N, C-alpha and C. Protein backbone atom coordinates (compact mmCIF):
# COMPACT_ATOMS: atom_id res chain seq x y z
N MET A 1 71.84 52.44 -8.79
CA MET A 1 70.58 52.07 -9.37
C MET A 1 69.62 53.17 -8.87
N MET A 2 68.80 53.72 -9.63
CA MET A 2 67.73 54.70 -9.28
C MET A 2 66.48 53.90 -8.79
N GLU A 3 66.01 54.56 -7.74
CA GLU A 3 64.90 53.94 -7.09
C GLU A 3 63.66 54.45 -7.82
N GLU A 4 62.54 53.67 -8.19
CA GLU A 4 61.49 54.13 -8.79
C GLU A 4 60.41 54.67 -7.73
N HIS A 5 59.85 55.88 -7.98
CA HIS A 5 58.97 56.33 -7.04
C HIS A 5 57.52 56.18 -7.55
N LYS A 6 56.67 55.58 -6.76
CA LYS A 6 55.27 55.52 -6.96
C LYS A 6 54.44 56.30 -6.16
N THR A 7 53.35 56.67 -6.74
CA THR A 7 52.40 57.48 -5.91
C THR A 7 51.75 56.68 -4.83
N ASP A 8 51.80 57.18 -3.53
CA ASP A 8 51.06 56.57 -2.45
C ASP A 8 49.57 56.91 -2.60
N ARG A 9 48.64 56.04 -3.06
CA ARG A 9 47.20 56.42 -3.17
C ARG A 9 46.54 56.84 -2.00
N ASP A 10 46.78 56.27 -0.87
CA ASP A 10 46.10 56.69 0.36
C ASP A 10 46.44 58.11 0.69
N ILE A 11 47.77 58.46 0.75
CA ILE A 11 48.01 59.78 1.03
C ILE A 11 47.50 60.71 0.04
N LEU A 12 47.49 60.35 -1.33
CA LEU A 12 46.99 61.26 -2.27
C LEU A 12 45.48 61.48 -2.06
N ALA A 13 44.73 60.47 -1.78
CA ALA A 13 43.30 60.57 -1.45
C ALA A 13 43.11 61.56 -0.26
N LYS A 14 43.97 61.41 0.79
CA LYS A 14 43.87 62.34 1.86
C LYS A 14 44.18 63.82 1.38
N GLY A 15 45.10 64.04 0.63
CA GLY A 15 45.46 65.28 0.17
C GLY A 15 44.31 65.87 -0.70
N LEU A 16 43.64 65.07 -1.56
CA LEU A 16 42.58 65.52 -2.36
C LEU A 16 41.37 65.94 -1.41
N LYS A 17 41.25 65.21 -0.40
CA LYS A 17 40.04 65.45 0.47
C LYS A 17 40.32 66.92 1.14
N ILE A 18 41.55 66.97 1.60
CA ILE A 18 42.00 68.38 2.20
C ILE A 18 41.77 69.54 1.09
N MET A 19 42.01 69.22 -0.15
CA MET A 19 41.83 70.24 -1.21
C MET A 19 40.31 70.49 -1.23
N GLY A 20 39.61 69.50 -1.31
CA GLY A 20 38.12 69.58 -1.38
C GLY A 20 37.59 70.58 -0.30
N MET A 21 38.13 70.23 0.92
CA MET A 21 37.66 71.05 2.06
C MET A 21 38.03 72.71 1.89
N SER A 22 39.12 72.71 1.27
CA SER A 22 39.77 74.05 1.03
C SER A 22 38.91 74.74 -0.02
N LEU A 23 38.52 74.05 -1.00
CA LEU A 23 37.56 74.57 -1.98
C LEU A 23 36.30 75.09 -1.52
N GLY A 24 35.70 74.26 -0.64
CA GLY A 24 34.43 74.72 -0.02
C GLY A 24 34.62 75.97 0.89
N CYS A 25 35.81 76.06 1.59
CA CYS A 25 36.09 77.27 2.47
C CYS A 25 36.31 78.32 1.53
N MET A 26 36.76 78.18 0.31
CA MET A 26 37.01 79.31 -0.61
C MET A 26 35.86 79.96 -1.19
N PHE A 27 34.77 79.27 -1.23
CA PHE A 27 33.54 79.75 -1.76
C PHE A 27 32.67 80.40 -0.40
N LEU A 28 32.70 79.62 0.59
CA LEU A 28 31.91 80.05 1.71
C LEU A 28 32.35 81.33 2.44
N GLY A 29 33.87 81.38 2.68
CA GLY A 29 34.30 82.54 3.32
C GLY A 29 34.03 83.81 2.63
N PRO A 30 34.37 83.99 1.51
CA PRO A 30 33.94 85.23 0.63
C PRO A 30 32.65 85.67 0.60
N THR A 31 31.70 84.52 0.43
CA THR A 31 30.32 84.72 0.45
C THR A 31 29.78 85.22 1.72
N LEU A 32 30.30 84.76 2.92
CA LEU A 32 29.94 85.35 4.32
C LEU A 32 30.35 86.60 4.44
N VAL A 33 31.48 87.00 3.78
CA VAL A 33 32.12 88.38 4.07
C VAL A 33 31.21 89.45 3.29
N TYR A 34 30.81 88.94 2.06
CA TYR A 34 29.78 89.70 1.42
C TYR A 34 28.43 89.85 2.17
N ILE A 35 27.93 88.84 2.54
CA ILE A 35 26.66 89.01 3.37
C ILE A 35 26.80 89.77 4.58
N ALA A 36 27.79 89.69 5.26
CA ALA A 36 28.19 90.61 6.45
C ALA A 36 28.20 92.00 6.10
N LEU A 37 29.04 92.26 5.18
CA LEU A 37 29.26 93.78 4.68
C LEU A 37 28.01 94.39 4.12
N THR A 38 27.14 93.61 3.56
CA THR A 38 25.88 94.27 3.10
C THR A 38 24.70 94.35 4.05
N ASN A 39 25.01 93.68 5.24
CA ASN A 39 23.91 93.99 6.29
C ASN A 39 24.65 94.25 7.67
N GLN A 40 25.33 95.45 7.59
CA GLN A 40 26.02 96.01 8.64
C GLN A 40 25.01 96.49 9.77
N GLU A 41 23.85 96.69 9.44
CA GLU A 41 22.97 97.14 10.50
C GLU A 41 22.28 95.95 11.30
N LYS A 42 22.47 94.77 10.97
CA LYS A 42 21.97 93.66 11.80
C LYS A 42 22.79 93.28 12.92
N PRO A 43 22.25 92.72 13.90
CA PRO A 43 23.11 92.54 15.11
C PRO A 43 24.09 91.33 14.96
N LEU A 44 23.94 90.59 14.02
CA LEU A 44 24.75 89.46 13.91
C LEU A 44 26.10 89.82 12.76
N TYR A 45 26.21 91.23 12.58
CA TYR A 45 27.26 91.50 11.60
C TYR A 45 28.60 91.20 12.05
N ILE A 46 28.98 91.49 13.31
CA ILE A 46 30.29 91.21 13.76
C ILE A 46 30.67 89.62 13.76
N PRO A 47 29.83 88.81 14.53
CA PRO A 47 30.10 87.40 14.63
C PRO A 47 30.16 86.74 13.15
N ILE A 48 29.32 87.15 12.10
CA ILE A 48 29.37 86.58 10.83
C ILE A 48 30.71 87.12 10.15
N LEU A 49 31.12 88.37 10.37
CA LEU A 49 32.28 88.77 9.77
C LEU A 49 33.67 88.12 10.24
N ILE A 50 33.56 87.75 11.56
CA ILE A 50 34.68 87.18 12.22
C ILE A 50 34.73 85.65 11.63
N LEU A 51 33.51 84.98 11.62
CA LEU A 51 33.53 83.64 10.99
C LEU A 51 33.98 83.69 9.55
N ALA A 52 33.47 84.66 8.77
CA ALA A 52 33.89 84.78 7.44
C ALA A 52 35.54 84.91 7.31
N ILE A 53 36.05 85.81 8.13
CA ILE A 53 37.58 85.85 7.96
C ILE A 53 38.36 84.72 8.44
N LEU A 54 37.82 83.95 9.46
CA LEU A 54 38.41 82.65 9.75
C LEU A 54 38.27 81.70 8.72
N LEU A 55 37.22 81.57 8.08
CA LEU A 55 36.97 80.68 6.99
C LEU A 55 38.01 80.99 5.80
N CYS A 56 38.11 82.19 5.57
CA CYS A 56 39.06 82.55 4.50
C CYS A 56 40.45 82.26 4.82
N GLY A 57 40.89 82.42 6.06
CA GLY A 57 42.24 81.99 6.61
C GLY A 57 42.33 80.40 6.55
N LEU A 58 41.38 79.73 6.96
CA LEU A 58 41.23 78.25 6.90
C LEU A 58 41.40 77.79 5.58
N ALA A 59 40.75 78.52 4.58
CA ALA A 59 40.97 78.02 3.16
C ALA A 59 42.39 78.13 2.71
N ILE A 60 43.04 79.15 3.04
CA ILE A 60 44.38 79.29 2.60
C ILE A 60 45.35 78.21 3.27
N PHE A 61 45.12 77.94 4.51
CA PHE A 61 45.88 76.95 5.27
C PHE A 61 45.53 75.51 4.72
N LEU A 62 44.24 75.23 4.46
CA LEU A 62 43.92 73.91 3.92
C LEU A 62 44.51 73.77 2.56
N ALA A 63 44.67 74.83 1.72
CA ALA A 63 45.15 74.73 0.40
C ALA A 63 46.66 74.36 0.46
N PHE A 64 47.46 75.07 1.34
CA PHE A 64 48.83 74.73 1.32
C PHE A 64 49.12 73.32 1.90
N LYS A 65 48.20 72.95 2.94
CA LYS A 65 48.26 71.71 3.59
C LYS A 65 47.96 70.51 2.49
N GLY A 66 46.91 70.76 1.69
CA GLY A 66 46.63 69.69 0.66
C GLY A 66 47.49 69.70 -0.40
N ILE A 67 48.13 70.77 -0.85
CA ILE A 67 49.18 70.64 -1.90
C ILE A 67 50.39 70.01 -1.35
N ASN A 68 50.68 70.23 -0.10
CA ASN A 68 51.94 69.60 0.51
C ASN A 68 51.68 68.14 0.63
N THR A 69 50.52 67.81 1.06
CA THR A 69 50.08 66.29 1.16
C THR A 69 50.21 65.58 -0.34
N VAL A 70 49.58 66.10 -1.17
CA VAL A 70 49.69 65.58 -2.51
C VAL A 70 51.15 65.42 -2.96
N MET A 71 51.85 66.52 -2.75
CA MET A 71 53.30 66.40 -3.14
C MET A 71 54.02 65.34 -2.40
N ASP A 72 53.76 65.13 -1.18
CA ASP A 72 54.46 64.14 -0.34
C ASP A 72 53.90 62.75 -0.77
N SER A 73 52.74 62.67 -1.26
CA SER A 73 52.31 61.26 -1.88
C SER A 73 53.10 60.86 -3.23
N MET A 74 53.47 61.84 -3.89
CA MET A 74 54.24 61.57 -5.07
C MET A 74 55.74 61.51 -5.01
N PHE A 75 56.44 62.33 -4.18
CA PHE A 75 57.71 62.62 -4.17
C PHE A 75 58.54 62.08 -2.88
N LYS A 76 57.82 61.79 -1.79
CA LYS A 76 58.51 61.52 -0.52
C LYS A 76 58.92 60.09 -0.59
N LYS A 77 60.16 59.79 -0.01
CA LYS A 77 60.68 58.57 -0.02
C LYS A 77 60.08 57.75 1.32
N LYS A 78 59.89 56.51 1.23
CA LYS A 78 59.46 55.91 2.39
C LYS A 78 60.56 55.47 3.33
């Protein structure tokens, strides 16, 4: 007999929160890269550029983690 899979709503909500954080980083990271690269003569150029690159990497990581969590909520056996 086939087992019926149901979506775990708590894990789904957690995955969607992670995806929301990823979306925020997806906008903030490139915006900071643009700001840093247009103000290269300012003293905070390097720290802002480093922060922007870290946020871009965090956006990619959170996107994969969020998608994985959403998939686990739908397809993982308990």
